[in-house]
Every structure is written in C-alpha cells, then in structure tokens.
Amino acid sequence: MYRVFCESYQNFINSFEEKNYRLEVAKPLELIVDIEKYKEEEKKQSEAFKKLCDLICFMKENVERFPKLKAFLWTLSSRNMQGKKYNVSEEEELQEQAKLVNSFLKLAYWY
C-alpha cells in the first residue's frame, strides 16, 4: 500500500506542468514519500510537518468516509508518522488532501 501511495504521488506530481492549487494541497504529502525529509521537518516543527500531522488526525477521524485509509494509517504508524492536532490546516484543505490520498490508494494515478 505504501508503494502504491508513493508511486501514485509521483505520477500525480508529474502530471502537472505548472504550479496550481492541487499541487499546493498535495505539498505536505511529500513528507510521507520521503521519510528522511519527514524526520528533518519534524525536528524543525515546520508548517509542512504540522499540516501532515493535522491530516493524519483528520484521516483517523474520517476513516468511515474513506475506508481505504484504515490500512494506510497503520502503514504510516509503522513508519512512526503520527497525527497530532496543530490546527494549522483549513477544513477544506484537509478534505481535499484526504480525497487525494484516497484516490491514490484507489489507484487513480497508478500507471
């Protein structure tokens, strides 16, 4: 599942030629793909790290809406990626990010 997410994320990113809203929404997801970068951002307590933590909490709270997230959250936990509410993300942004993660897991960007 993690490999599917990582490859789908790259395919998604590569499908755009210029910056746009969807790329901005997806930005914190790059920390899931790059564990070393995740660790660096965690040490810095960066905004991207806090946004990812908010997203992980949001996904846990909404696993009924997005059932594919349940196993994926376990995968994140096994990589020591834990959620914590920092409240730096808007509700709309969290919803879009969760939909994007769900679409990755449903193979929407799997080539």
PDB file of N, CA and C in Angstrom:
ATOM      1  N   MET A   1       0.821  -1.188   0.000  1.00  0.00           N
ATOM      2  CA  MET A   1       0.000   0.000   0.000  1.00  0.00           C
ATOM      3  C   MET A   1       0.877   1.269   0.000  1.00  0.00           C
ATOM      4  N   TYR A   2       1.948   1.226   0.776  1.00  0.00           N
ATOM      5  CA  TYR A   2       2.845   2.387   0.827  1.00  0.00           C
ATOM      6  C   TYR A   2       3.476   2.632  -0.545  1.00  0.00           C
ATOM      7  N   ARG A   3       3.896   1.562  -1.185  1.00  0.00           N
ATOM      8  CA  ARG A   3       4.494   1.694  -2.521  1.00  0.00           C
ATOM      9  C   ARG A   3       3.489   2.269  -3.518  1.00  0.00           C
ATOM     10  N   VAL A   4       2.263   1.819  -3.456  1.00  0.00           N
ATOM     11  CA  VAL A   4       1.203   2.342  -4.323  1.00  0.00           C
ATOM     12  C   VAL A   4       1.037   3.838  -4.086  1.00  0.00           C
ATOM     13  N   PHE A   5       1.008   4.232  -2.818  1.00  0.00           N
ATOM     14  CA  PHE A   5       0.878   5.650  -2.492  1.00  0.00           C
ATOM     15  C   PHE A   5       2.046   6.448  -3.074  1.00  0.00           C
ATOM     16  N   CYS A   6       3.258   5.994  -2.833  1.00  0.00           N
ATOM     17  CA  CYS A   6       4.449   6.725  -3.284  1.00  0.00           C
ATOM     18  C   CYS A   6       4.486   6.878  -4.805  1.00  0.00           C
ATOM     19  N   GLU A   7       4.230   5.797  -5.508  1.00  0.00           N
ATOM     20  CA  GLU A   7       4.260   5.872  -6.974  1.00  0.00           C
ATOM     21  C   GLU A   7       3.116   6.717  -7.509  1.00  0.00           C
ATOM     22  N   SER A   8       1.946   6.605  -6.894  1.00  0.00           N
ATOM     23  CA  SER A   8       0.801   7.413  -7.318  1.00  0.00           C
ATOM     24  C   SER A   8       1.059   8.897  -7.057  1.00  0.00           C
ATOM     25  N   TYR A   9       1.688   9.189  -5.933  1.00  0.00           N
ATOM     26  CA  TYR A   9       2.022  10.584  -5.617  1.00  0.00           C
ATOM     27  C   TYR A   9       2.944  11.151  -6.707  1.00  0.00           C
ATOM     28  N   GLN A  10       3.973  10.401  -7.072  1.00  0.00           N
ATOM     29  CA  GLN A  10       4.895  10.869  -8.112  1.00  0.00           C
ATOM     30  C   GLN A  10       4.179  11.055  -9.442  1.00  0.00           C
ATOM     31  N   ASN A  11       3.322  10.121  -9.802  1.00  0.00           N
ATOM     32  CA  ASN A  11       2.561  10.250 -11.048  1.00  0.00           C
ATOM     33  C   ASN A  11       1.666  11.481 -11.012  1.00  0.00           C
ATOM     34  N   PHE A  12       1.061  11.729  -9.879  1.00  0.00           N
ATOM     35  CA  PHE A  12       0.214  12.915  -9.711  1.00  0.00           C
ATOM     36  C   PHE A  12       1.042  14.183  -9.895  1.00  0.00           C
ATOM     37  N   ILE A  13       2.158  14.269  -9.203  1.00  0.00           N
ATOM     38  CA  ILE A  13       3.030  15.452  -9.279  1.00  0.00           C
ATOM     39  C   ILE A  13       3.511  15.662 -10.713  1.00  0.00           C
ATOM     40  N   ASN A  14       3.896  14.592 -11.376  1.00  0.00           N
ATOM     41  CA  ASN A  14       4.416  14.681 -12.742  1.00  0.00           C
ATOM     42  C   ASN A  14       3.341  15.004 -13.775  1.00  0.00           C
ATOM     43  N   SER A  15       2.090  14.921 -13.397  1.00  0.00           N
ATOM     44  CA  SER A  15       1.010  15.196 -14.350  1.00  0.00           C
ATOM     45  C   SER A  15       0.749  16.693 -14.543  1.00  0.00           C
ATOM     46  N   PHE A  16       1.424  17.528 -13.748  1.00  0.00           N
ATOM     47  CA  PHE A  16       1.248  18.977 -13.860  1.00  0.00           C
ATOM     48  C   PHE A  16       2.496  19.629 -14.429  1.00  0.00           C
ATOM     49  N   GLU A  17       2.299  20.622 -15.252  1.00  0.00           N
ATOM     50  CA  GLU A  17       3.433  21.338 -15.828  1.00  0.00           C
ATOM     51  C   GLU A  17       3.714  22.650 -15.107  1.00  0.00           C
ATOM     52  N   GLU A  18       2.729  23.147 -14.398  1.00  0.00           N
ATOM     53  CA  GLU A  18       2.931  24.398 -13.661  1.00  0.00           C
ATOM     54  C   GLU A  18       2.241  24.311 -12.314  1.00  0.00           C
ATOM     55  N   LYS A  19       2.641  25.179 -11.404  1.00  0.00           N
ATOM     56  CA  LYS A  19       2.071  25.188 -10.064  1.00  0.00           C
ATOM     57  C   LYS A  19       0.593  25.529 -10.125  1.00  0.00           C
ATOM     58  N   ASN A  20      -0.162  24.893  -9.240  1.00  0.00           N
ATOM     59  CA  ASN A  20      -1.579  25.187  -9.132  1.00  0.00           C
ATOM     60  C   ASN A  20      -2.069  24.785  -7.742  1.00  0.00           C
ATOM     61  N   TYR A  21      -3.355  24.995  -7.502  1.00  0.00           N
ATOM     62  CA  TYR A  21      -3.941  24.734  -6.197  1.00  0.00           C
ATOM     63  C   TYR A  21      -3.774  23.272  -5.779  1.00  0.00           C
ATOM     64  N   ARG A  22      -3.993  22.333  -6.690  1.00  0.00           N
ATOM     65  CA  ARG A  22      -3.905  20.912  -6.346  1.00  0.00           C
ATOM     66  C   ARG A  22      -2.492  20.527  -5.910  1.00  0.00           C
ATOM     67  N   LEU A  23      -1.490  21.121  -6.535  1.00  0.00           N
ATOM     68  CA  LEU A  23      -0.112  20.847  -6.119  1.00  0.00           C
ATOM     69  C   LEU A  23       0.159  21.410  -4.724  1.00  0.00           C
ATOM     70  N   GLU A  24      -0.364  22.579  -4.450  1.00  0.00           N
ATOM     71  CA  GLU A  24      -0.199  23.179  -3.123  1.00  0.00           C
ATOM     72  C   GLU A  24      -0.861  22.323  -2.049  1.00  0.00           C
ATOM     73  N   VAL A  25      -2.051  21.826  -2.346  1.00  0.00           N
ATOM     74  CA  VAL A  25      -2.761  20.969  -1.407  1.00  0.00           C
ATOM     75  C   VAL A  25      -1.963  19.699  -1.146  1.00  0.00           C
ATOM     76  N   ALA A  26      -1.323  19.169  -2.160  1.00  0.00           N
ATOM     77  CA  ALA A  26      -0.580  17.908  -2.048  1.00  0.00           C
ATOM     78  C   ALA A  26       0.794  18.069  -1.398  1.00  0.00           C
ATOM     79  N   LYS A  27       1.278  19.276  -1.246  1.00  0.00           N
ATOM     80  CA  LYS A  27       2.641  19.517  -0.759  1.00  0.00           C
ATOM     81  C   LYS A  27       3.001  18.740   0.518  1.00  0.00           C
ATOM     82  N   PRO A  28       2.176  18.744   1.568  1.00  0.00           N
ATOM     83  CA  PRO A  28       2.554  18.005   2.778  1.00  0.00           C
ATOM     84  C   PRO A  28       2.687  16.497   2.562  1.00  0.00           C
ATOM     85  N   LEU A  29       2.040  15.966   1.526  1.00  0.00           N
ATOM     86  CA  LEU A  29       2.104  14.534   1.258  1.00  0.00           C
ATOM     87  C   LEU A  29       3.502  14.081   0.863  1.00  0.00           C
ATOM     88  N   GLU A  30       4.326  15.015   0.400  1.00  0.00           N
ATOM     89  CA  GLU A  30       5.688  14.639   0.018  1.00  0.00           C
ATOM     90  C   GLU A  30       6.480  14.127   1.224  1.00  0.00           C
ATOM     91  N   LEU A  31       6.080  14.522   2.428  1.00  0.00           N
ATOM     92  CA  LEU A  31       6.765  14.034   3.630  1.00  0.00           C
ATOM     93  C   LEU A  31       6.485  12.556   3.869  1.00  0.00           C
ATOM     94  N   ILE A  32       5.361  12.073   3.387  1.00  0.00           N
ATOM     95  CA  ILE A  32       5.061  10.646   3.500  1.00  0.00           C
ATOM     96  C   ILE A  32       5.979   9.863   2.568  1.00  0.00           C
ATOM     97  N   VAL A  33       6.219  10.402   1.401  1.00  0.00           N
ATOM     98  CA  VAL A  33       7.035   9.728   0.381  1.00  0.00           C
ATOM     99  C   VAL A  33       8.506   9.718   0.765  1.00  0.00           C
ATOM    100  N   ASP A  34       8.968  10.795   1.363  1.00  0.00           N
ATOM    101  CA  ASP A  34      10.384  10.949   1.706  1.00  0.00           C
ATOM    102  C   ASP A  34      10.544  10.946   3.225  1.00  0.00           C
ATOM    103  N   ILE A  35      10.828   9.784   3.777  1.00  0.00           N
ATOM    104  CA  ILE A  35      10.886   9.632   5.232  1.00  0.00           C
ATOM    105  C   ILE A  35      11.997  10.469   5.847  1.00  0.00           C
ATOM    106  N   GLU A  36      13.122  10.607   5.154  1.00  0.00           N
ATOM    107  CA  GLU A  36      14.207  11.452   5.679  1.00  0.00           C
ATOM    108  C   GLU A  36      13.762  12.912   5.777  1.00  0.00           C
ATOM    109  N   LYS A  37      13.066  13.363   4.761  1.00  0.00           N
ATOM    110  CA  LYS A  37      12.550  14.733   4.791  1.00  0.00           C
ATOM    111  C   LYS A  37      11.524  14.883   5.922  1.00  0.00           C
ATOM    112  N   TYR A  38      10.721  13.855   6.127  1.00  0.00           N
ATOM    113  CA  TYR A  38       9.762  13.870   7.233  1.00  0.00           C
ATOM    114  C   TYR A  38      10.498  14.098   8.560  1.00  0.00           C
ATOM    115  N   LYS A  39      11.571  13.349   8.772  1.00  0.00           N
ATOM    116  CA  LYS A  39      12.336  13.462  10.018  1.00  0.00           C
ATOM    117  C   LYS A  39      12.943  14.855  10.178  1.00  0.00           C
ATOM    118  N   GLU A  40      13.460  15.406   9.082  1.00  0.00           N
ATOM    119  CA  GLU A  40      14.032  16.759   9.121  1.00  0.00           C
ATOM    120  C   GLU A  40      12.969  17.792   9.489  1.00  0.00           C
ATOM    121  N   GLU A  41      11.824  17.689   8.828  1.00  0.00           N
ATOM    122  CA  GLU A  41      10.742  18.648   9.068  1.00  0.00           C
ATOM    123  C   GLU A  41      10.153  18.482  10.473  1.00  0.00           C
ATOM    124  N   GLU A  42      10.169  17.257  10.971  1.00  0.00           N
ATOM    125  CA  GLU A  42       9.699  17.003  12.335  1.00  0.00           C
ATOM    126  C   GLU A  42      10.606  17.722  13.342  1.00  0.00           C
ATOM    127  N   LYS A  43      11.908  17.629  13.132  1.00  0.00           N
ATOM    128  CA  LYS A  43      12.855  18.310  14.025  1.00  0.00           C
ATOM    129  C   LYS A  43      12.645  19.815  14.006  1.00  0.00           C
ATOM    130  N   LYS A  44      12.371  20.355  12.818  1.00  0.00           N
ATOM    131  CA  LYS A  44      12.163  21.806  12.666  1.00  0.00           C
ATOM    132  C   LYS A  44      10.771  22.236  13.090  1.00  0.00           C
ATOM    133  N   GLN A  45       9.870  21.248  13.245  1.00  0.00           N
ATOM    134  CA  GLN A  45       8.466  21.547  13.518  1.00  0.00           C
ATOM    135  C   GLN A  45       7.917  22.525  12.470  1.00  0.00           C
ATOM    136  N   SER A  46       8.213  22.221  11.211  1.00  0.00           N
ATOM    137  CA  SER A  46       7.836  23.086  10.092  1.00  0.00           C
ATOM    138  C   SER A  46       6.331  23.072   9.866  1.00  0.00           C
ATOM    139  N   GLU A  47       5.883  24.008   9.072  1.00  0.00           N
ATOM    140  CA  GLU A  47       4.460  24.080   8.736  1.00  0.00           C
ATOM    141  C   GLU A  47       4.023  22.843   7.954  1.00  0.00           C
ATOM    142  N   ALA A  48       4.860  22.367   7.041  1.00  0.00           N
ATOM    143  CA  ALA A  48       4.512  21.164   6.270  1.00  0.00           C
ATOM    144  C   ALA A  48       4.337  19.968   7.208  1.00  0.00           C
ATOM    145  N   PHE A  49       5.202  19.840   8.183  1.00  0.00           N
ATOM    146  CA  PHE A  49       5.090  18.758   9.162  1.00  0.00           C
ATOM    147  C   PHE A  49       3.789  18.878   9.946  1.00  0.00           C
ATOM    148  N   LYS A  50       3.479  20.066  10.409  1.00  0.00           N
ATOM    149  CA  LYS A  50       2.256  20.282  11.189  1.00  0.00           C
ATOM    150  C   LYS A  50       1.014  20.024  10.342  1.00  0.00           C
ATOM    151  N   LYS A  51       1.069  20.403   9.066  1.00  0.00           N
ATOM    152  CA  LYS A  51      -0.062  20.148   8.171  1.00  0.00           C
ATOM    153  C   LYS A  51      -0.263  18.648   7.974  1.00  0.00           C
ATOM    154  N   LEU A  52       0.829  17.915   7.862  1.00  0.00           N
ATOM    155  CA  LEU A  52       0.720  16.462   7.718  1.00  0.00           C
ATOM    156  C   LEU A  52       0.142  15.844   8.991  1.00  0.00           C
ATOM    157  N   CYS A  53       0.572  16.311  10.141  1.00  0.00           N
ATOM    158  CA  CYS A  53       0.033  15.802  11.409  1.00  0.00           C
ATOM    159  C   CYS A  53      -1.466  16.079  11.499  1.00  0.00           C
ATOM    160  N   ASP A  54      -1.875  17.282  11.117  1.00  0.00           N
ATOM    161  CA  ASP A  54      -3.304  17.607  11.078  1.00  0.00           C
ATOM    162  C   ASP A  54      -4.040  16.652  10.153  1.00  0.00           C
ATOM    163  N   LEU A  55      -3.453  16.367   8.996  1.00  0.00           N
ATOM    164  CA  LEU A  55      -4.081  15.476   8.028  1.00  0.00           C
ATOM    165  C   LEU A  55      -4.215  14.059   8.584  1.00  0.00           C
ATOM    166  N   ILE A  56      -3.195  13.570   9.225  1.00  0.00           N
ATOM    167  CA  ILE A  56      -3.264  12.222   9.795  1.00  0.00           C
ATOM    168  C   ILE A  56      -4.396  12.143  10.817  1.00  0.00           C
ATOM    169  N   CYS A  57      -4.532  13.157  11.648  1.00  0.00           N
ATOM    170  CA  CYS A  57      -5.649  13.201  12.607  1.00  0.00           C
ATOM    171  C   CYS A  57      -6.985  13.228  11.876  1.00  0.00           C
ATOM    172  N   PHE A  58      -7.076  14.054  10.853  1.00  0.00           N
ATOM    173  CA  PHE A  58      -8.310  14.158  10.075  1.00  0.00           C
ATOM    174  C   PHE A  58      -8.660  12.811   9.446  1.00  0.00           C
ATOM    175  N   MET A  59      -7.674  12.133   8.904  1.00  0.00           N
ATOM    176  CA  MET A  59      -7.932  10.839   8.277  1.00  0.00           C
ATOM    177  C   MET A  59      -8.414   9.823   9.315  1.00  0.00           C
ATOM    178  N   LYS A  60      -7.816   9.826  10.502  1.00  0.00           N
ATOM    179  CA  LYS A  60      -8.249   8.916  11.567  1.00  0.00           C
ATOM    180  C   LYS A  60      -9.696   9.190  11.952  1.00  0.00           C
ATOM    181  N   GLU A  61     -10.046  10.457  12.017  1.00  0.00           N
ATOM    182  CA  GLU A  61     -11.404  10.843  12.406  1.00  0.00           C
ATOM    183  C   GLU A  61     -12.428  10.556  11.309  1.00  0.00           C
ATOM    184  N   ASN A  62     -11.987  10.382  10.081  1.00  0.00           N
ATOM    185  CA  ASN A  62     -12.891  10.213   8.944  1.00  0.00           C
ATOM    186  C   ASN A  62     -12.691   8.895   8.208  1.00  0.00           C
ATOM    187  N   VAL A  63     -12.186   7.907   8.903  1.00  0.00           N
ATOM    188  CA  VAL A  63     -11.899   6.622   8.262  1.00  0.00           C
ATOM    189  C   VAL A  63     -13.188   5.951   7.759  1.00  0.00           C
ATOM    190  N   GLU A  64     -14.322   6.269   8.352  1.00  0.00           N
ATOM    191  CA  GLU A  64     -15.590   5.709   7.864  1.00  0.00           C
ATOM    192  C   GLU A  64     -15.924   6.245   6.476  1.00  0.00           C
ATOM    193  N   ARG A  65     -15.609   7.494   6.241  1.00  0.00           N
ATOM    194  CA  ARG A  65     -15.853   8.102   4.931  1.00  0.00           C
ATOM    195  C   ARG A  65     -14.894   7.584   3.875  1.00  0.00           C
ATOM    196  N   PHE A  66     -13.690   7.273   4.297  1.00  0.00           N
ATOM    197  CA  PHE A  66     -12.631   6.829   3.393  1.00  0.00           C
ATOM    198  C   PHE A  66     -12.041   5.515   3.918  1.00  0.00           C
ATOM    199  N   PRO A  67     -12.738   4.379   3.724  1.00  0.00           N
ATOM    200  CA  PRO A  67     -12.295   3.104   4.319  1.00  0.00           C
ATOM    201  C   PRO A  67     -10.887   2.673   3.935  1.00  0.00           C
ATOM    202  N   LYS A  68     -10.410   3.046   2.752  1.00  0.00           N
ATOM    203  CA  LYS A  68      -9.057   2.655   2.332  1.00  0.00           C
ATOM    204  C   LYS A  68      -7.991   3.248   3.252  1.00  0.00           C
ATOM    205  N   LEU A  69      -8.349   4.302   3.969  1.00  0.00           N
ATOM    206  CA  LEU A  69      -7.374   4.969   4.819  1.00  0.00           C
ATOM    207  C   LEU A  69      -6.990   4.146   6.043  1.00  0.00           C
ATOM    208  N   LYS A  70      -7.854   3.245   6.468  1.00  0.00           N
ATOM    209  CA  LYS A  70      -7.589   2.493   7.691  1.00  0.00           C
ATOM    210  C   LYS A  70      -6.256   1.748   7.620  1.00  0.00           C
ATOM    211  N   ALA A  71      -6.067   0.963   6.596  1.00  0.00           N
ATOM    212  CA  ALA A  71      -4.802   0.218   6.449  1.00  0.00           C
ATOM    213  C   ALA A  71      -3.631   1.164   6.190  1.00  0.00           C
ATOM    214  N   PHE A  72      -3.893   2.239   5.457  1.00  0.00           N
ATOM    215  CA  PHE A  72      -2.827   3.190   5.165  1.00  0.00           C
ATOM    216  C   PHE A  72      -2.347   3.879   6.438  1.00  0.00           C
ATOM    217  N   LEU A  73      -3.266   4.204   7.327  1.00  0.00           N
ATOM    218  CA  LEU A  73      -2.887   4.827   8.601  1.00  0.00           C
ATOM    219  C   LEU A  73      -1.998   3.892   9.417  1.00  0.00           C
ATOM    220  N   TRP A  74      -2.275   2.605   9.349  1.00  0.00           N
ATOM    221  CA  TRP A  74      -1.424   1.636  10.030  1.00  0.00           C
ATOM    222  C   TRP A  74      -0.021   1.665   9.422  1.00  0.00           C
ATOM    223  N   THR A  75       0.045   1.779   8.101  1.00  0.00           N
ATOM    224  CA  THR A  75       1.330   1.861   7.398  1.00  0.00           C
ATOM    225  C   THR A  75       2.115   3.087   7.858  1.00  0.00           C
ATOM    226  N   LEU A  76       1.434   4.214   7.989  1.00  0.00           N
ATOM    227  CA  LEU A  76       2.100   5.435   8.462  1.00  0.00           C
ATOM    228  C   LEU A  76       2.592   5.256   9.894  1.00  0.00           C
ATOM    229  N   SER A  77       1.752   4.682  10.723  1.00  0.00           N
ATOM    230  CA  SER A  77       2.121   4.457  12.119  1.00  0.00           C
ATOM    231  C   SER A  77       3.356   3.571  12.227  1.00  0.00           C
ATOM    232  N   SER A  78       3.443   2.564  11.364  1.00  0.00           N
ATOM    233  CA  SER A  78       4.607   1.668  11.387  1.00  0.00           C
ATOM    234  C   SER A  78       5.890   2.393  10.975  1.00  0.00           C
ATOM    235  N   ARG A  79       5.740   3.548  10.346  1.00  0.00           N
ATOM    236  CA  ARG A  79       6.885   4.376   9.964  1.00  0.00           C
ATOM    237  C   ARG A  79       7.058   5.552  10.923  1.00  0.00           C
ATOM    238  N   ASN A  80       6.435   5.456  12.072  1.00  0.00           N
ATOM    239  CA  ASN A  80       6.490   6.478  13.131  1.00  0.00           C
ATOM    240  C   ASN A  80       5.948   7.835  12.680  1.00  0.00           C
ATOM    241  N   MET A  81       4.981   7.801  11.793  1.00  0.00           N
ATOM    242  CA  MET A  81       4.302   9.025  11.370  1.00  0.00           C
ATOM    243  C   MET A  81       2.975   9.081  12.113  1.00  0.00           C
ATOM    244  N   GLN A  82       2.932   9.937  13.108  1.00  0.00           N
ATOM    245  CA  GLN A  82       1.768  10.029  13.983  1.00  0.00           C
ATOM    246  C   GLN A  82       1.047  11.359  13.772  1.00  0.00           C
ATOM    247  N   GLY A  83      -0.225  11.329  14.004  1.00  0.00           N
ATOM    248  CA  GLY A  83      -1.011  12.551  13.913  1.00  0.00           C
ATOM    249  C   GLY A  83      -1.002  13.309  15.218  1.00  0.00           C
ATOM    250  N   LYS A  84      -1.145  14.605  15.099  1.00  0.00           N
ATOM    251  CA  LYS A  84      -1.289  15.484  16.253  1.00  0.00           C
ATOM    252  C   LYS A  84      -1.976  16.734  15.737  1.00  0.00           C
ATOM    253  N   LYS A  85      -2.929  17.218  16.493  1.00  0.00           N
ATOM    254  CA  LYS A  85      -3.657  18.404  16.036  1.00  0.00           C
ATOM    255  C   LYS A  85      -2.856  19.661  16.343  1.00  0.00           C
ATOM    256  N   TYR A  86      -2.444  20.307  15.280  1.00  0.00           N
ATOM    257  CA  TYR A  86      -1.793  21.609  15.392  1.00  0.00           C
ATOM    258  C   TYR A  86      -2.743  22.719  14.960  1.00  0.00           C
ATOM    259  N   ASN A  87      -3.810  22.324  14.270  1.00  0.00           N
ATOM    260  CA  ASN A  87      -4.821  23.274  13.788  1.00  0.00           C
ATOM    261  C   ASN A  87      -4.232  24.372  12.898  1.00  0.00           C
ATOM    262  N   VAL A  88      -3.318  23.976  12.009  1.00  0.00           N
ATOM    263  CA  VAL A  88      -2.754  24.930  11.052  1.00  0.00           C
ATOM    264  C   VAL A  88      -3.390  24.776   9.673  1.00  0.00           C
ATOM    265  N   SER A  89      -4.233  23.758   9.530  1.00  0.00           N
ATOM    266  CA  SER A  89      -4.860  23.477   8.236  1.00  0.00           C
ATOM    267  C   SER A  89      -6.340  23.838   8.269  1.00  0.00           C
ATOM    268  N   GLU A  90      -6.805  24.321   7.137  1.00  0.00           N
ATOM    269  CA  GLU A  90      -8.231  24.610   6.987  1.00  0.00           C
ATOM    270  C   GLU A  90      -8.976  23.303   6.724  1.00  0.00           C
ATOM    271  N   GLU A  91     -10.226  23.250   7.123  1.00  0.00           N
ATOM    272  CA  GLU A  91     -11.068  22.061   6.917  1.00  0.00           C
ATOM    273  C   GLU A  91     -11.130  21.671   5.438  1.00  0.00           C
ATOM    274  N   GLU A  92     -11.301  22.655   4.573  1.00  0.00           N
ATOM    275  CA  GLU A  92     -11.389  22.383   3.130  1.00  0.00           C
ATOM    276  C   GLU A  92     -10.100  21.743   2.616  1.00  0.00           C
ATOM    277  N   GLU A  93      -8.979  22.246   3.079  1.00  0.00           N
ATOM    278  CA  GLU A  93      -7.680  21.689   2.670  1.00  0.00           C
ATOM    279  C   GLU A  93      -7.540  20.242   3.138  1.00  0.00           C
ATOM    280  N   LEU A  94      -7.936  19.961   4.370  1.00  0.00           N
ATOM    281  CA  LEU A  94      -7.859  18.602   4.899  1.00  0.00           C
ATOM    282  C   LEU A  94      -8.753  17.653   4.111  1.00  0.00           C
ATOM    283  N   GLN A  95      -9.932  18.112   3.759  1.00  0.00           N
ATOM    284  CA  GLN A  95     -10.836  17.280   2.968  1.00  0.00           C
ATOM    285  C   GLN A  95     -10.238  16.966   1.598  1.00  0.00           C
ATOM    286  N   GLU A  96      -9.667  17.977   0.963  1.00  0.00           N
ATOM    287  CA  GLU A  96      -9.050  17.768  -0.356  1.00  0.00           C
ATOM    288  C   GLU A  96      -7.858  16.818  -0.259  1.00  0.00           C
ATOM    289  N   GLN A  97      -7.059  16.975   0.781  1.00  0.00           N
ATOM    290  CA  GLN A  97      -5.903  16.090   0.953  1.00  0.00           C
ATOM    291  C   GLN A  97      -6.350  14.646   1.191  1.00  0.00           C
ATOM    292  N   ALA A  98      -7.361  14.458   2.026  1.00  0.00           N
ATOM    293  CA  ALA A  98      -7.861  13.108   2.307  1.00  0.00           C
ATOM    294  C   ALA A  98      -8.435  12.480   1.032  1.00  0.00           C
ATOM    295  N   LYS A  99      -9.147  13.267   0.244  1.00  0.00           N
ATOM    296  CA  LYS A  99      -9.680  12.760  -1.029  1.00  0.00           C
ATOM    297  C   LYS A  99      -8.541  12.354  -1.963  1.00  0.00           C
ATOM    298  N   LEU A 100      -7.491  13.152  -1.976  1.00  0.00           N
ATOM    299  CA  LEU A 100      -6.341  12.862  -2.826  1.00  0.00           C
ATOM    300  C   LEU A 100      -5.652  11.563  -2.381  1.00  0.00           C
ATOM    301  N   VAL A 101      -5.412  11.421  -1.090  1.00  0.00           N
ATOM    302  CA  VAL A 101      -4.804  10.194  -0.566  1.00  0.00           C
ATOM    303  C   VAL A 101      -5.684   9.000  -0.929  1.00  0.00           C
ATOM    304  N   ASN A 102      -6.977   9.158  -0.728  1.00  0.00           N
ATOM    305  CA  ASN A 102      -7.911   8.079  -1.048  1.00  0.00           C
ATOM    306  C   ASN A 102      -7.847   7.719  -2.534  1.00  0.00           C
ATOM    307  N   SER A 103      -7.750   8.728  -3.385  1.00  0.00           N
ATOM    308  CA  SER A 103      -7.665   8.451  -4.830  1.00  0.00           C
ATOM    309  C   SER A 103      -6.355   7.752  -5.178  1.00  0.00           C
ATOM    310  N   PHE A 104      -5.272   8.091  -4.501  1.00  0.00           N
ATOM    311  CA  PHE A 104      -4.005   7.388  -4.718  1.00  0.00           C
ATOM    312  C   PHE A 104      -4.173   5.907  -4.361  1.00  0.00           C
ATOM    313  N   LEU A 105      -4.825   5.655  -3.238  1.00  0.00           N
ATOM    314  CA  LEU A 105      -4.992   4.283  -2.767  1.00  0.00           C
ATOM    315  C   LEU A 105      -5.980   3.493  -3.619  1.00  0.00           C
ATOM    316  N   LYS A 106      -6.844   4.198  -4.311  1.00  0.00           N
ATOM    317  CA  LYS A 106      -7.786   3.550  -5.231  1.00  0.00           C
ATOM    318  C   LYS A 106      -7.188   3.400  -6.629  1.00  0.00           C
ATOM    319  N   LEU A 107      -5.908   3.719  -6.753  1.00  0.00           N
ATOM    320  CA  LEU A 107      -5.145   3.547  -7.997  1.00  0.00           C
ATOM    321  C   LEU A 107      -5.534   4.540  -9.094  1.00  0.00           C
ATOM    322  N   ALA A 108      -6.092   5.682  -8.728  1.00  0.00           N
ATOM    323  CA  ALA A 108      -6.481   6.676  -9.734  1.00  0.00           C
ATOM    324  C   ALA A 108      -5.281   7.241 -10.484  1.00  0.00           C
ATOM    325  N   TYR A 109      -4.107   7.242  -9.865  1.00  0.00           N
ATOM    326  CA  TYR A 109      -2.901   7.766 -10.502  1.00  0.00           C
ATOM    327  C   TYR A 109      -1.859   6.666 -10.694  1.00  0.00           C
ATOM    328  N   TRP A 110      -2.299   5.446 -10.737  1.00  0.00           N
ATOM    329  CA  TRP A 110      -1.411   4.301 -10.906  1.00  0.00           C
ATOM    330  C   TRP A 110      -1.257   4.032 -12.409  1.00  0.00           C
ATOM    331  N   TYR A 111      -0.049   4.141 -12.917  1.00  0.00           N
ATOM    332  CA  TYR A 111       0.188   3.903 -14.356  1.00  0.00           C
ATOM    333  C   TYR A 111       1.013   2.666 -14.541  1.00  0.00           C
TER     334      TYR A 111
END
